[in-house]
Amino acid sequence: MNNKWIFVALLASPTAFAESLVHWSDFSVTGLYGDNFEVDPAEQTTITLETAGGWKYGDWFAFQDFIYFNGEPSDSNYANYGEYGTRFSASKMFDSKIGFGPLTDLSLALQYEQGSAAASTILYGIGSDWDVPGFSYLNVNVYQRTELSNSAGELGASDGWQLTPAWRIDFGDTGIVFDGFIDWVFSPSEDSYEPMLHINPQLKYDLGAAINGKSGQFYVGVEYDYWKNKYGIPNGIPGLEVDQSAFSLLLKYHL
């Protein structure tokens, strides 16, 4: 079985963990339609399977994208990409709060990336949780990146460092949610790749709560995707624009 389907099965089945280990879990399906993407075909439709949860020794977050390139030939109109991560919380493992001031926890952060046109890369580093007024959550992970395989180029092209903040803001009882992540990927070697800045926020409205009172189940909104030096390609290559600024309409349903 293809690795991505194994991971999809795991995403959809958090009960694979012993029931006593899982404190909470969430699984959602998101549909996105957008235009003005760069490097890849401009018009795209994406289905994203996503899971998040907390367990006895930490938390997890994972997603799998299934991307359709609208209007492209059938032999090149599809791609997939996924990230699967878990963090081992120091506070949970030592049964004692680790942190001070707005810093509420530190974690060992692990992540795996793979895709049909992407290098397989493992990330490991330090995660941190922050209590900041106005944020439902704010965490910041710092990773070392190590490439495991790369069918498209020289092995090690994805090695380097990554800084990833992720957040959520709920605007009171309005049903409006602003969440997302930022990936800043850079290499200490000037010969590796251009530093990448990927900013991916979503602004959503809780339509389910407005229609049938089921809060937190069905959202509509928009996603913005900004990418400086997409895939680490240096800007200035003739005929290739690698700085991306694209909007997508979204529907998100939590199972």
Protein backbone atom coordinates (compact mmCIF):
# COMPACT_ATOMS: atom_id res chain seq x y z
CA MET A 1 0.00 0.00 0.00
CA ASN A 2 1.23 3.51 -0.83
CA ASN A 3 2.59 5.30 2.25
CA LYS A 4 0.20 8.20 1.87
CA TRP A 5 -2.83 5.90 2.19
CA ILE A 6 -1.40 4.36 5.33
CA PHE A 7 -1.07 7.84 6.80
CA VAL A 8 -4.60 8.79 5.69
CA ALA A 9 -5.94 5.74 7.49
CA LEU A 10 -4.09 6.78 10.63
CA LEU A 11 -5.38 10.35 10.35
CA ALA A 12 -8.94 9.12 10.11
CA SER A 13 -8.58 6.70 13.03
CA PRO A 14 -7.25 8.40 16.18
CA THR A 15 -8.84 5.50 18.07
CA ALA A 16 -5.83 3.51 16.88
CA PHE A 17 -4.26 4.95 20.01
CA ALA A 18 -5.26 3.24 23.23
CA GLU A 19 -8.45 4.98 24.32
CA SER A 20 -7.00 5.90 27.70
CA LEU A 21 -4.14 7.79 26.03
CA VAL A 22 -6.27 10.17 23.96
CA HIS A 23 -7.55 13.29 25.74
CA TRP A 24 -9.24 14.85 22.72
CA SER A 25 -9.20 14.53 18.94
CA ASP A 26 -10.56 16.30 15.89
CA PHE A 27 -10.84 15.29 12.24
CA SER A 28 -11.89 17.61 9.41
CA VAL A 29 -12.28 17.74 5.64
CA THR A 30 -11.59 21.00 3.77
CA GLY A 31 -12.37 21.87 0.17
CA LEU A 32 -10.40 24.72 -1.44
CA TYR A 33 -10.64 26.40 -4.83
CA GLY A 34 -8.15 29.08 -5.83
CA ASP A 35 -6.29 30.76 -8.65
CA ASN A 36 -3.05 32.68 -9.22
CA PHE A 37 -0.69 30.00 -7.91
CA GLU A 38 2.91 30.08 -9.15
CA VAL A 39 5.38 27.40 -10.35
CA ASP A 40 2.53 24.85 -10.29
CA PRO A 41 -0.55 25.38 -12.52
CA ALA A 42 -2.37 28.57 -11.58
CA GLU A 43 -5.87 27.18 -10.96
CA GLN A 44 -6.19 24.52 -8.27
CA THR A 45 -8.81 22.54 -6.35
CA THR A 46 -7.64 20.86 -3.14
CA ILE A 47 -9.19 18.43 -0.69
CA THR A 48 -7.43 18.40 2.69
CA LEU A 49 -7.83 15.74 5.36
CA GLU A 50 -6.68 17.07 8.71
CA THR A 51 -6.46 15.80 12.26
CA ALA A 52 -5.34 17.27 15.56
CA GLY A 53 -5.48 16.01 19.12
CA GLY A 54 -4.02 15.80 22.56
CA TRP A 55 -2.79 12.64 24.21
CA LYS A 56 -1.22 11.58 27.50
CA TYR A 57 2.30 12.69 26.58
CA GLY A 58 1.70 15.51 24.11
CA ASP A 59 -0.27 16.42 21.02
CA TRP A 60 -0.40 15.76 17.28
CA PHE A 61 -1.28 17.55 14.06
CA ALA A 62 -1.31 16.11 10.56
CA PHE A 63 -2.78 16.79 7.14
CA GLN A 64 -2.87 15.29 3.67
CA ASP A 65 -3.56 17.44 0.58
CA PHE A 66 -5.00 15.98 -2.61
CA ILE A 67 -4.47 18.64 -5.28
CA TYR A 68 -6.15 18.83 -8.68
CA PHE A 69 -4.70 21.20 -11.29
CA ASN A 70 -7.75 22.48 -13.15
CA GLY A 71 -7.58 22.33 -16.93
CA GLU A 72 -4.30 20.41 -17.11
CA PRO A 73 -3.76 17.16 -19.10
CA SER A 74 -4.96 14.05 -17.28
CA ASP A 75 -1.42 12.66 -16.94
CA SER A 76 -0.17 15.73 -15.04
CA ASN A 77 -3.19 17.23 -13.28
CA TYR A 78 -2.76 15.72 -9.84
CA ALA A 79 -0.42 15.97 -6.86
CA ASN A 80 -0.45 15.16 -3.17
CA TYR A 81 1.42 16.46 -0.17
CA GLY A 82 1.26 15.70 3.55
CA GLU A 83 2.80 16.59 6.90
CA TYR A 84 2.51 14.43 10.03
CA GLY A 85 3.74 15.70 13.36
CA THR A 86 3.63 15.00 17.06
CA ARG A 87 5.06 16.75 20.11
CA PHE A 88 6.09 15.25 23.44
CA SER A 89 5.17 17.75 26.16
CA ALA A 90 7.64 18.23 29.00
CA SER A 91 4.81 19.31 31.32
CA LYS A 92 2.81 16.15 30.61
CA MET A 93 5.76 13.77 30.71
CA PHE A 94 7.11 15.13 34.01
CA ASP A 95 3.63 15.85 35.43
CA SER A 96 4.73 19.36 36.33
CA LYS A 97 4.31 22.70 34.62
CA ILE A 98 7.37 23.60 32.56
CA GLY A 99 7.41 27.28 31.73
CA PHE A 100 7.33 30.79 33.10
CA GLY A 101 5.42 33.96 32.31
CA PRO A 102 3.61 33.60 28.97
CA LEU A 103 5.60 30.43 28.13
CA THR A 104 3.37 27.54 29.28
CA ASP A 105 5.15 24.44 27.94
CA LEU A 106 8.14 23.06 26.03
CA SER A 107 8.05 19.98 23.84
CA LEU A 108 10.15 17.66 21.72
CA ALA A 109 8.69 18.34 18.25
CA LEU A 110 8.86 15.76 15.43
CA GLN A 111 7.46 16.00 11.90
CA TYR A 112 7.56 14.11 8.63
CA GLU A 113 6.91 15.66 5.18
CA GLN A 114 6.28 13.83 1.89
CA GLY A 115 4.54 14.33 -1.42
CA SER A 116 4.31 13.19 -5.01
CA ALA A 117 6.63 16.00 -6.14
CA ALA A 118 8.35 16.78 -2.84
CA ALA A 119 11.34 15.45 -0.97
CA SER A 120 10.72 13.19 2.02
CA THR A 121 12.04 15.10 5.01
CA ILE A 122 12.11 14.53 8.76
CA LEU A 123 12.08 17.51 11.13
CA TYR A 124 13.03 17.48 14.80
CA GLY A 125 13.39 20.26 17.31
CA ILE A 126 11.82 22.20 20.17
CA GLY A 127 8.17 23.23 20.44
CA SER A 128 6.81 25.92 22.71
CA ASP A 129 3.30 26.95 23.81
CA TRP A 130 2.43 30.53 24.68
CA ASP A 131 -0.42 32.16 26.59
CA VAL A 132 -0.96 35.45 24.75
CA PRO A 133 -4.09 37.59 25.28
CA GLY A 134 -6.49 37.32 22.36
CA PHE A 135 -5.12 33.99 21.10
CA SER A 136 -7.00 30.73 21.64
CA TYR A 137 -3.62 29.10 21.13
CA LEU A 138 -0.16 30.08 19.94
CA ASN A 139 2.69 27.65 19.54
CA VAL A 140 6.12 28.04 17.97
CA ASN A 141 8.27 25.15 16.77
CA VAL A 142 11.94 25.34 15.79
CA TYR A 143 13.16 22.42 13.66
CA GLN A 144 16.30 20.97 12.14
CA ARG A 145 15.42 19.61 8.68
CA THR A 146 17.01 16.40 7.36
CA GLU A 147 16.09 15.12 3.91
CA LEU A 148 15.56 11.35 3.62
CA SER A 149 14.94 11.01 -0.13
CA ASN A 150 14.53 13.23 -3.17
CA SER A 151 13.59 11.80 -6.56
CA ALA A 152 13.65 15.23 -8.21
CA GLY A 153 17.13 16.41 -7.31
CA GLU A 154 20.24 16.02 -5.23
CA LEU A 155 19.75 14.49 -1.79
CA GLY A 156 20.02 17.07 0.97
CA ALA A 157 18.43 19.95 -0.93
CA SER A 158 15.81 20.30 1.84
CA ASP A 159 18.29 20.24 4.75
CA GLY A 160 18.42 23.27 6.99
CA TRP A 161 16.28 24.95 9.65
CA GLN A 162 12.62 25.85 10.02
CA LEU A 163 10.72 28.21 12.32
CA THR A 164 6.95 27.59 12.46
CA PRO A 165 4.47 29.61 14.52
CA ALA A 166 0.81 28.44 14.43
CA TRP A 167 -2.13 30.28 15.94
CA ARG A 168 -5.90 30.63 16.35
CA ILE A 169 -7.94 33.71 17.29
CA ASP A 170 -11.68 33.50 18.05
CA PHE A 171 -13.51 36.82 17.84
CA GLY A 172 -15.85 36.42 20.79
CA ASP A 173 -19.33 35.15 19.93
CA THR A 174 -19.21 36.39 16.33
CA GLY A 175 -18.38 32.93 14.93
CA ILE A 176 -15.35 34.40 13.13
CA VAL A 177 -12.06 32.50 13.42
CA PHE A 178 -8.61 33.58 12.22
CA ASP A 179 -5.99 30.84 12.26
CA GLY A 180 -3.01 29.60 10.29
CA PHE A 181 0.73 29.06 10.26
CA ILE A 182 3.99 30.55 9.03
CA ASP A 183 6.93 28.45 7.81
CA TRP A 184 10.30 30.18 7.57
CA VAL A 185 12.75 27.69 6.04
CA PHE A 186 16.42 28.55 5.68
CA SER A 187 19.75 26.81 5.22
CA PRO A 188 23.11 27.72 6.75
CA SER A 189 24.66 26.86 3.37
CA GLU A 190 24.42 29.49 0.65
CA ASP A 191 24.65 26.74 -1.97
CA SER A 192 21.53 24.88 -0.82
CA TYR A 193 18.43 26.96 -1.58
CA GLU A 194 16.91 30.39 -1.19
CA PRO A 195 15.27 31.03 2.22
CA MET A 196 11.52 30.43 1.97
CA LEU A 197 8.75 32.31 3.79
CA HIS A 198 5.34 30.63 3.57
CA ILE A 199 2.41 32.43 5.23
CA ASN A 200 -0.91 30.56 5.18
CA PRO A 201 -3.76 32.10 7.21
CA GLN A 202 -7.48 31.29 7.02
CA LEU A 203 -10.39 33.58 7.91
CA LYS A 204 -13.51 31.51 8.56
CA TYR A 205 -17.11 31.96 9.70
CA ASP A 206 -18.94 29.33 11.77
CA LEU A 207 -21.91 28.87 9.44
CA GLY A 208 -23.10 25.73 11.21
CA ALA A 209 -23.72 27.64 14.42
CA ALA A 210 -25.76 30.25 12.54
CA ILE A 211 -27.86 27.66 10.66
CA ASN A 212 -28.53 24.85 13.12
CA GLY A 213 -26.74 25.80 16.34
CA LYS A 214 -23.97 23.21 15.88
CA SER A 215 -20.96 25.33 16.77
CA GLY A 216 -17.53 24.37 15.50
CA GLN A 217 -18.73 21.95 12.83
CA PHE A 218 -19.12 23.73 9.47
CA TYR A 219 -17.10 26.76 8.33
CA VAL A 220 -16.94 28.88 5.20
CA GLY A 221 -14.21 31.38 4.44
CA VAL A 222 -11.09 32.26 2.55
CA GLU A 223 -7.44 31.14 2.66
CA TYR A 224 -4.50 33.31 1.69
CA ASP A 225 -1.28 31.67 0.49
CA TYR A 226 1.83 33.84 0.34
CA TRP A 227 5.12 32.17 -0.54
CA LYS A 228 8.43 33.99 -0.92
CA ASN A 229 10.90 31.94 -3.03
CA LYS A 230 8.46 29.05 -3.44
CA TYR A 231 10.20 25.65 -3.09
CA GLY A 232 13.44 27.54 -2.43
CA ILE A 233 13.77 28.60 -6.06
CA PRO A 234 15.65 31.89 -6.32
CA ASN A 235 13.70 34.80 -7.77
CA GLY A 236 14.92 36.38 -10.97
CA ILE A 237 14.95 33.27 -13.18
CA PRO A 238 13.70 34.41 -16.61
CA GLY A 239 10.13 33.34 -17.28
CA LEU A 240 9.59 31.92 -13.77
CA GLU A 241 7.78 33.78 -10.99
CA VAL A 242 8.40 32.17 -7.61
CA ASP A 243 6.83 34.71 -5.25
CA GLN A 244 3.24 33.54 -4.81
CA SER A 245 0.18 35.47 -3.62
CA ALA A 246 -3.03 33.46 -4.03
CA PHE A 247 -6.50 33.39 -2.48
CA SER A 248 -8.79 30.33 -2.21
CA LEU A 249 -12.41 29.93 -1.19
CA LEU A 250 -12.88 27.23 1.43
CA LEU A 251 -15.47 24.97 3.00
CA LYS A 252 -14.46 23.08 6.15
CA TYR A 253 -16.40 20.34 7.92
CA HIS A 254 -15.42 18.81 11.27
CA LEU A 255 -16.58 15.22 11.68
